[in-house]
PDB file of N, CA and C in Angstrom:
ATOM      1  N   MET A   1       1.145  -1.317  -0.043  1.00  0.00           N
ATOM      2  CA  MET A   1      -0.252  -0.409  -0.223  1.00  0.00           C
ATOM      3  C   MET A   1       0.843   1.009   0.980  1.00  0.00           C
ATOM      4  N   GLN A   2       0.838   1.462  -1.280  1.00  0.00           N
ATOM      5  CA  GLN A   2       1.686   3.143  -0.697  1.00  0.00           C
ATOM      6  C   GLN A   2       0.655   4.705  -0.443  1.00  0.00           C
ATOM      7  N   HIS A   3       1.261   4.986   0.294  1.00  0.00           N
ATOM      8  CA  HIS A   3       0.827   6.394   1.015  1.00  0.00           C
ATOM      9  C   HIS A   3       1.306   7.366   0.245  1.00  0.00           C
ATOM     10  N   LYS A   4       0.704   8.197   0.161  1.00  0.00           N
ATOM     11  CA  LYS A   4       0.674  10.109   0.191  1.00  0.00           C
ATOM     12  C   LYS A   4       2.258  10.155   1.075  1.00  0.00           C
ATOM     13  N   GLN A   5       3.330  10.827  -0.063  1.00  0.00           N
ATOM     14  CA  GLN A   5       3.934  12.366   1.515  1.00  0.00           C
ATOM     15  C   GLN A   5       3.435  13.009   1.627  1.00  0.00           C
ATOM     16  N   LEU A   6       3.318  13.441   2.927  1.00  0.00           N
ATOM     17  CA  LEU A   6       2.893  14.508   3.434  1.00  0.00           C
ATOM     18  C   LEU A   6       4.082  15.344   4.856  1.00  0.00           C
ATOM     19  N   SER A   7       4.056  16.924   4.544  1.00  0.00           N
ATOM     20  CA  SER A   7       4.806  17.589   5.241  1.00  0.00           C
ATOM     21  C   SER A   7       3.904  16.842   7.106  1.00  0.00           C
ATOM     22  N   LEU A   8       4.976  16.281   8.170  1.00  0.00           N
ATOM     23  CA  LEU A   8       3.821  16.667   8.693  1.00  0.00           C
ATOM     24  C   LEU A   8       3.933  17.623   9.753  1.00  0.00           C
ATOM     25  N   LEU A   9       4.379  18.398   9.802  1.00  0.00           N
ATOM     26  CA  LEU A   9       3.712  19.711  10.301  1.00  0.00           C
ATOM     27  C   LEU A   9       3.560  21.285  10.293  1.00  0.00           C
ATOM     28  N   PRO A  10       2.686  21.721  10.746  1.00  0.00           N
ATOM     29  CA  PRO A  10       1.683  22.758   9.403  1.00  0.00           C
ATOM     30  C   PRO A  10       3.017  23.733   9.138  1.00  0.00           C
ATOM     31  N   THR A  11       2.868  23.294   7.687  1.00  0.00           N
ATOM     32  CA  THR A  11       3.528  24.603   6.888  1.00  0.00           C
ATOM     33  C   THR A  11       2.780  25.384   5.487  1.00  0.00           C
ATOM     34  N   GLY A  12       2.594  26.439   5.684  1.00  0.00           N
ATOM     35  CA  GLY A  12       1.680  27.128   4.939  1.00  0.00           C
ATOM     36  C   GLY A  12      -0.051  26.393   4.386  1.00  0.00           C
ATOM     37  N   THR A  13       0.279  26.310   3.560  1.00  0.00           N
ATOM     38  CA  THR A  13      -1.419  25.570   2.804  1.00  0.00           C
ATOM     39  C   THR A  13      -1.814  24.052   3.262  1.00  0.00           C
ATOM     40  N   GLY A  14      -0.389  23.455   3.710  1.00  0.00           N
ATOM     41  CA  GLY A  14      -0.634  22.550   4.435  1.00  0.00           C
ATOM     42  C   GLY A  14      -1.594  22.035   5.282  1.00  0.00           C
ATOM     43  N   LYS A  15      -1.993  22.560   5.697  1.00  0.00           N
ATOM     44  CA  LYS A  15      -2.669  21.900   7.034  1.00  0.00           C
ATOM     45  C   LYS A  15      -3.687  20.975   6.850  1.00  0.00           C
ATOM     46  N   GLU A  16      -4.364  21.345   5.616  1.00  0.00           N
ATOM     47  CA  GLU A  16      -5.344  20.167   6.039  1.00  0.00           C
ATOM     48  C   GLU A  16      -4.669  19.057   5.767  1.00  0.00           C
ATOM     49  N   ASP A  17      -3.568  18.479   4.510  1.00  0.00           N
ATOM     50  CA  ASP A  17      -2.879  17.442   5.010  1.00  0.00           C
ATOM     51  C   ASP A  17      -2.769  16.924   5.901  1.00  0.00           C
ATOM     52  N   THR A  18      -2.127  18.014   7.408  1.00  0.00           N
ATOM     53  CA  THR A  18      -1.214  17.754   8.166  1.00  0.00           C
ATOM     54  C   THR A  18      -2.431  16.846   9.381  1.00  0.00           C
ATOM     55  N   GLN A  19      -3.802  17.389   8.870  1.00  0.00           N
ATOM     56  CA  GLN A  19      -5.084  17.799  10.303  1.00  0.00           C
ATOM     57  C   GLN A  19      -5.509  16.354   9.471  1.00  0.00           C
ATOM     58  N   THR A  20      -5.378  15.702   8.350  1.00  0.00           N
ATOM     59  CA  THR A  20      -5.771  14.550   7.079  1.00  0.00           C
ATOM     60  C   THR A  20      -4.729  13.365   7.506  1.00  0.00           C
ATOM     61  N   PHE A  21      -3.430  13.316   7.770  1.00  0.00           N
ATOM     62  CA  PHE A  21      -2.238  13.279   8.341  1.00  0.00           C
ATOM     63  C   PHE A  21      -2.823  12.304   9.850  1.00  0.00           C
ATOM     64  N   TRP A  22      -2.767  12.855  10.625  1.00  0.00           N
ATOM     65  CA  TRP A  22      -2.664  12.778  11.753  1.00  0.00           C
ATOM     66  C   TRP A  22      -4.227  11.733  11.965  1.00  0.00           C
ATOM     67  N   GLU A  23      -5.665  11.985  11.309  1.00  0.00           N
ATOM     68  CA  GLU A  23      -6.842  11.391  11.143  1.00  0.00           C
ATOM     69  C   GLU A  23      -6.784  10.574  10.987  1.00  0.00           C
ATOM     70  N   LYS A  24      -5.986   9.479  10.565  1.00  0.00           N
ATOM     71  CA  LYS A  24      -5.708   8.639   9.300  1.00  0.00           C
ATOM     72  C   LYS A  24      -5.227   7.379  10.279  1.00  0.00           C
ATOM     73  N   LEU A  25      -3.864   8.101  10.644  1.00  0.00           N
ATOM     74  CA  LEU A  25      -3.179   7.356  11.633  1.00  0.00           C
ATOM     75  C   LEU A  25      -3.086   7.154  12.581  1.00  0.00           C
ATOM     76  N   SER A  26      -4.587   7.788  13.756  1.00  0.00           N
ATOM     77  CA  SER A  26      -5.144   7.674  14.914  1.00  0.00           C
ATOM     78  C   SER A  26      -6.207   6.886  13.726  1.00  0.00           C
ATOM     79  N   SER A  27      -6.990   6.386  13.031  1.00  0.00           N
ATOM     80  CA  SER A  27      -7.743   5.402  13.120  1.00  0.00           C
ATOM     81  C   SER A  27      -7.495   4.358  13.032  1.00  0.00           C
ATOM     82  N   ILE A  28      -5.568   3.976  12.131  1.00  0.00           N
ATOM     83  CA  ILE A  28      -5.242   2.807  12.077  1.00  0.00           C
ATOM     84  C   ILE A  28      -4.792   2.026  13.789  1.00  0.00           C
ATOM     85  N   GLU A  29      -5.712   0.845  13.785  1.00  0.00           N
ATOM     86  CA  GLU A  29      -5.402  -0.435  14.952  1.00  0.00           C
ATOM     87  C   GLU A  29      -3.925  -1.051  13.740  1.00  0.00           C
ATOM     88  N   GLY A  30      -2.893  -1.172  15.582  1.00  0.00           N
ATOM     89  CA  GLY A  30      -2.424  -1.623  15.902  1.00  0.00           C
ATOM     90  C   GLY A  30      -0.672  -1.171  15.626  1.00  0.00           C
ATOM     91  N   THR A  31       0.326  -1.537  16.629  1.00  0.00           N
ATOM     92  CA  THR A  31       0.849  -0.460  17.038  1.00  0.00           C
ATOM     93  C   THR A  31       2.324  -0.786  14.712  1.00  0.00           C
ATOM     94  N   ARG A  32       2.171  -1.792  14.626  1.00  0.00           N
ATOM     95  CA  ARG A  32       2.926  -2.242  13.727  1.00  0.00           C
ATOM     96  C   ARG A  32       2.392  -1.572  12.589  1.00  0.00           C
ATOM     97  N   GLU A  33       0.875  -1.232  12.283  1.00  0.00           N
ATOM     98  CA  GLU A  33       0.770  -0.942  11.179  1.00  0.00           C
ATOM     99  C   GLU A  33       0.899   0.392  11.507  1.00  0.00           C
ATOM    100  N   ARG A  34       0.270   1.517  12.251  1.00  0.00           N
ATOM    101  CA  ARG A  34       0.707   3.117  12.965  1.00  0.00           C
ATOM    102  C   ARG A  34       2.572   3.347  12.382  1.00  0.00           C
ATOM    103  N   LEU A  35       3.185   2.569  12.423  1.00  0.00           N
ATOM    104  CA  LEU A  35       4.911   2.146  12.638  1.00  0.00           C
ATOM    105  C   LEU A  35       4.832   2.556  10.755  1.00  0.00           C
ATOM    106  N   LYS A  36       4.788   1.311  10.121  1.00  0.00           N
ATOM    107  CA  LYS A  36       4.714   1.743   8.973  1.00  0.00           C
ATOM    108  C   LYS A  36       4.071   2.667   7.996  1.00  0.00           C
ATOM    109  N   TYR A  37       2.856   3.410   8.297  1.00  0.00           N
ATOM    110  CA  TYR A  37       2.457   4.470   7.945  1.00  0.00           C
ATOM    111  C   TYR A  37       3.138   5.981   8.445  1.00  0.00           C
ATOM    112  N   LEU A  38       3.577   6.029   8.996  1.00  0.00           N
ATOM    113  CA  LEU A  38       4.486   6.863   9.637  1.00  0.00           C
ATOM    114  C   LEU A  38       6.238   6.824   8.927  1.00  0.00           C
ATOM    115  N   LEU A  39       6.362   5.413   8.621  1.00  0.00           N
ATOM    116  CA  LEU A  39       8.101   5.397   7.790  1.00  0.00           C
ATOM    117  C   LEU A  39       7.687   5.369   6.583  1.00  0.00           C
ATOM    118  N   ALA A  40       6.127   5.708   6.226  1.00  0.00           N
ATOM    119  CA  ALA A  40       5.989   5.585   4.872  1.00  0.00           C
ATOM    120  C   ALA A  40       5.854   7.906   4.438  1.00  0.00           C
ATOM    121  N   ALA A  41       5.776   8.008   5.572  1.00  0.00           N
ATOM    122  CA  ALA A  41       5.891   9.683   5.819  1.00  0.00           C
ATOM    123  C   ALA A  41       7.096  10.627   4.970  1.00  0.00           C
ATOM    124  N   ASP A  42       6.723  11.222   5.286  1.00  0.00           N
ATOM    125  CA  ASP A  42       7.905  12.620   5.294  1.00  0.00           C
ATOM    126  C   ASP A  42       8.817  12.827   5.637  1.00  0.00           C
ATOM    127  N   LEU A  43      10.065  11.942   6.017  1.00  0.00           N
ATOM    128  CA  LEU A  43      10.074  12.736   7.850  1.00  0.00           C
ATOM    129  C   LEU A  43      11.595  13.670   7.701  1.00  0.00           C
ATOM    130  N   SER A  44      11.758  14.347   6.071  1.00  0.00           N
ATOM    131  CA  SER A  44      13.176  15.455   6.769  1.00  0.00           C
ATOM    132  C   SER A  44      13.575  16.725   7.269  1.00  0.00           C
ATOM    133  N   PHE A  45      11.657  16.669   7.578  1.00  0.00           N
ATOM    134  CA  PHE A  45      12.247  18.480   8.186  1.00  0.00           C
ATOM    135  C   PHE A  45      12.424  18.981   8.147  1.00  0.00           C
ATOM    136  N   SER A  46      13.166  19.389   6.718  1.00  0.00           N
ATOM    137  CA  SER A  46      13.830  20.285   6.541  1.00  0.00           C
ATOM    138  C   SER A  46      12.854  21.763   6.638  1.00  0.00           C
ATOM    139  N   GLY A  47      14.052  22.466   6.847  1.00  0.00           N
ATOM    140  CA  GLY A  47      13.837  23.972   7.034  1.00  0.00           C
ATOM    141  C   GLY A  47      12.462  24.023   8.343  1.00  0.00           C
ATOM    142  N   GLU A  48      11.958  23.190   8.862  1.00  0.00           N
ATOM    143  CA  GLU A  48      12.161  23.752  10.162  1.00  0.00           C
ATOM    144  C   GLU A  48      13.295  23.756  11.411  1.00  0.00           C
ATOM    145  N   PRO A  49      12.708  24.431  12.321  1.00  0.00           N
ATOM    146  CA  PRO A  49      13.368  24.320  13.162  1.00  0.00           C
ATOM    147  C   PRO A  49      13.837  23.884  14.314  1.00  0.00           C
ATOM    148  N   THR A  50      15.129  24.045  14.268  1.00  0.00           N
ATOM    149  CA  THR A  50      16.158  22.850  14.773  1.00  0.00           C
ATOM    150  C   THR A  50      16.856  22.817  15.833  1.00  0.00           C
ATOM    151  N   GLY A  51      17.282  24.403  16.502  1.00  0.00           N
ATOM    152  CA  GLY A  51      17.760  24.618  17.183  1.00  0.00           C
ATOM    153  C   GLY A  51      17.348  25.372  18.941  1.00  0.00           C
ATOM    154  N   TYR A  52      16.590  24.902  19.026  1.00  0.00           N
ATOM    155  CA  TYR A  52      15.939  25.765  20.218  1.00  0.00           C
ATOM    156  C   TYR A  52      15.999  24.982  21.485  1.00  0.00           C
ATOM    157  N   ALA A  53      15.206  25.178  22.497  1.00  0.00           N
ATOM    158  CA  ALA A  53      15.878  24.291  24.159  1.00  0.00           C
ATOM    159  C   ALA A  53      17.520  23.977  23.762  1.00  0.00           C
ATOM    160  N   SER A  54      17.682  22.830  24.067  1.00  0.00           N
ATOM    161  CA  SER A  54      19.435  22.935  24.423  1.00  0.00           C
ATOM    162  C   SER A  54      19.563  21.952  23.232  1.00  0.00           C
ATOM    163  N   HIS A  55      19.155  21.653  22.188  1.00  0.00           N
ATOM    164  CA  HIS A  55      19.675  20.982  20.134  1.00  0.00           C
ATOM    165  C   HIS A  55      20.960  21.593  19.911  1.00  0.00           C
ATOM    166  N   ASN A  56      21.036  22.705  19.954  1.00  0.00           N
ATOM    167  CA  ASN A  56      22.464  23.851  19.723  1.00  0.00           C
ATOM    168  C   ASN A  56      23.340  23.629  20.571  1.00  0.00           C
ATOM    169  N   LEU A  57      23.291  22.986  21.671  1.00  0.00           N
ATOM    170  CA  LEU A  57      24.414  22.686  22.450  1.00  0.00           C
ATOM    171  C   LEU A  57      25.108  21.952  21.914  1.00  0.00           C
ATOM    172  N   HIS A  58      25.424  20.814  21.899  1.00  0.00           N
ATOM    173  CA  HIS A  58      25.907  19.664  21.022  1.00  0.00           C
ATOM    174  C   HIS A  58      26.312  19.547  20.384  1.00  0.00           C
ATOM    175  N   ALA A  59      26.459  20.269  18.922  1.00  0.00           N
ATOM    176  CA  ALA A  59      26.140  19.581  17.661  1.00  0.00           C
ATOM    177  C   ALA A  59      27.194  17.794  17.232  1.00  0.00           C
ATOM    178  N   PHE A  60      26.158  17.138  16.120  1.00  0.00           N
ATOM    179  CA  PHE A  60      27.150  15.761  16.871  1.00  0.00           C
ATOM    180  C   PHE A  60      26.012  15.212  14.815  1.00  0.00           C
ATOM    181  N   ALA A  61      26.577  14.979  14.383  1.00  0.00           N
ATOM    182  CA  ALA A  61      26.298  14.244  13.048  1.00  0.00           C
ATOM    183  C   ALA A  61      24.404  13.567  13.489  1.00  0.00           C
ATOM    184  N   ALA A  62      25.035  12.631  14.116  1.00  0.00           N
ATOM    185  CA  ALA A  62      24.001  11.385  13.630  1.00  0.00           C
ATOM    186  C   ALA A  62      22.863  11.900  15.689  1.00  0.00           C
ATOM    187  N   LYS A  63      22.516  12.841  15.501  1.00  0.00           N
ATOM    188  CA  LYS A  63      21.432  13.922  16.410  1.00  0.00           C
ATOM    189  C   LYS A  63      19.900  13.438  15.652  1.00  0.00           C
ATOM    190  N   PHE A  64      19.097  13.375  16.349  1.00  0.00           N
ATOM    191  CA  PHE A  64      17.922  13.456  15.587  1.00  0.00           C
ATOM    192  C   PHE A  64      17.643  14.993  15.554  1.00  0.00           C
ATOM    193  N   PRO A  65      17.088  15.383  14.803  1.00  0.00           N
ATOM    194  CA  PRO A  65      15.749  16.549  14.658  1.00  0.00           C
ATOM    195  C   PRO A  65      15.069  16.532  15.709  1.00  0.00           C
ATOM    196  N   PRO A  66      14.566  17.739  16.650  1.00  0.00           N
ATOM    197  CA  PRO A  66      13.667  17.256  17.974  1.00  0.00           C
ATOM    198  C   PRO A  66      12.633  17.014  16.866  1.00  0.00           C
ATOM    199  N   GLN A  67      11.914  17.031  16.146  1.00  0.00           N
ATOM    200  CA  GLN A  67      10.774  17.100  15.476  1.00  0.00           C
ATOM    201  C   GLN A  67       9.983  15.089  14.819  1.00  0.00           C
ATOM    202  N   LEU A  68      11.541  15.106  14.706  1.00  0.00           N
ATOM    203  CA  LEU A  68      11.583  13.480  14.582  1.00  0.00           C
ATOM    204  C   LEU A  68      11.006  12.463  16.149  1.00  0.00           C
ATOM    205  N   PRO A  69      12.191  11.918  17.075  1.00  0.00           N
ATOM    206  CA  PRO A  69      11.436  11.154  18.116  1.00  0.00           C
ATOM    207  C   PRO A  69       9.623  12.016  18.954  1.00  0.00           C
ATOM    208  N   ARG A  70       9.651  13.658  18.384  1.00  0.00           N
ATOM    209  CA  ARG A  70       8.101  14.024  18.671  1.00  0.00           C
ATOM    210  C   ARG A  70       7.121  13.637  18.376  1.00  0.00           C
ATOM    211  N   LEU A  71       7.529  13.013  17.250  1.00  0.00           N
ATOM    212  CA  LEU A  71       6.326  12.089  15.779  1.00  0.00           C
ATOM    213  C   LEU A  71       6.307  10.601  16.451  1.00  0.00           C
ATOM    214  N   PHE A  72       6.929   9.887  16.602  1.00  0.00           N
ATOM    215  CA  PHE A  72       7.337   8.644  16.865  1.00  0.00           C
ATOM    216  C   PHE A  72       6.205   8.567  18.155  1.00  0.00           C
ATOM    217  N   ILE A  73       6.560   9.327  19.642  1.00  0.00           N
ATOM    218  CA  ILE A  73       6.019   9.515  20.286  1.00  0.00           C
ATOM    219  C   ILE A  73       4.353   9.874  20.520  1.00  0.00           C
ATOM    220  N   LYS A  74       4.213  10.709  19.674  1.00  0.00           N
ATOM    221  CA  LYS A  74       2.737  11.342  19.290  1.00  0.00           C
ATOM    222  C   LYS A  74       1.946   9.794  18.681  1.00  0.00           C
ATOM    223  N   GLY A  75       2.924   9.731  17.302  1.00  0.00           N
ATOM    224  CA  GLY A  75       2.134   8.710  16.661  1.00  0.00           C
ATOM    225  C   GLY A  75       1.855   7.294  17.198  1.00  0.00           C
ATOM    226  N   LEU A  76       2.513   6.653  17.871  1.00  0.00           N
ATOM    227  CA  LEU A  76       2.582   5.519  18.365  1.00  0.00           C
ATOM    228  C   LEU A  76       2.574   4.902  19.344  1.00  0.00           C
ATOM    229  N   THR A  77       1.696   6.375  20.043  1.00  0.00           N
ATOM    230  CA  THR A  77       0.916   6.222  21.742  1.00  0.00           C
ATOM    231  C   THR A  77      -0.122   6.894  21.803  1.00  0.00           C
ATOM    232  N   ARG A  78      -0.895   6.061  23.159  1.00  0.00           N
ATOM    233  CA  ARG A  78      -1.797   6.904  23.231  1.00  0.00           C
ATOM    234  C   ARG A  78      -2.382   7.994  24.262  1.00  0.00           C
ATOM    235  N   PRO A  79      -3.511   8.355  24.534  1.00  0.00           N
ATOM    236  CA  PRO A  79      -2.423   9.225  25.971  1.00  0.00           C
ATOM    237  C   PRO A  79      -3.273   7.842  27.065  1.00  0.00           C
ATOM    238  N   GLY A  80      -2.727   8.263  28.293  1.00  0.00           N
ATOM    239  CA  GLY A  80      -2.751   7.926  28.531  1.00  0.00           C
ATOM    240  C   GLY A  80      -1.644   6.416  29.603  1.00  0.00           C
ATOM    241  N   ASP A  81      -0.754   6.276  27.943  1.00  0.00           N
ATOM    242  CA  ASP A  81      -0.187   5.374  27.749  1.00  0.00           C
ATOM    243  C   ASP A  81       1.417   5.349  29.057  1.00  0.00           C
ATOM    244  N   ILE A  82       2.256   4.292  29.498  1.00  0.00           N
ATOM    245  CA  ILE A  82       2.684   4.584  30.635  1.00  0.00           C
ATOM    246  C   ILE A  82       4.061   4.103  29.689  1.00  0.00           C
TER     247      ILE A  82
END
């Protein structure tokens, strides 16, 4: 099953696409299926701010943009999960 590449953070006129993405994701049952859907999305976050909080404190090649862990936490957990 192919998924359309979406910007996962609201940018300009993409708000409807972002909302649709999260609505679709929340309707998917099972962690494995939600993970597949997340991995099929655009995970580049190019143009998004990455230097806030402590993210510029120590730069190294393998660091994650802060949006990436947020995306997976939001996408793979439900309210009340521990």
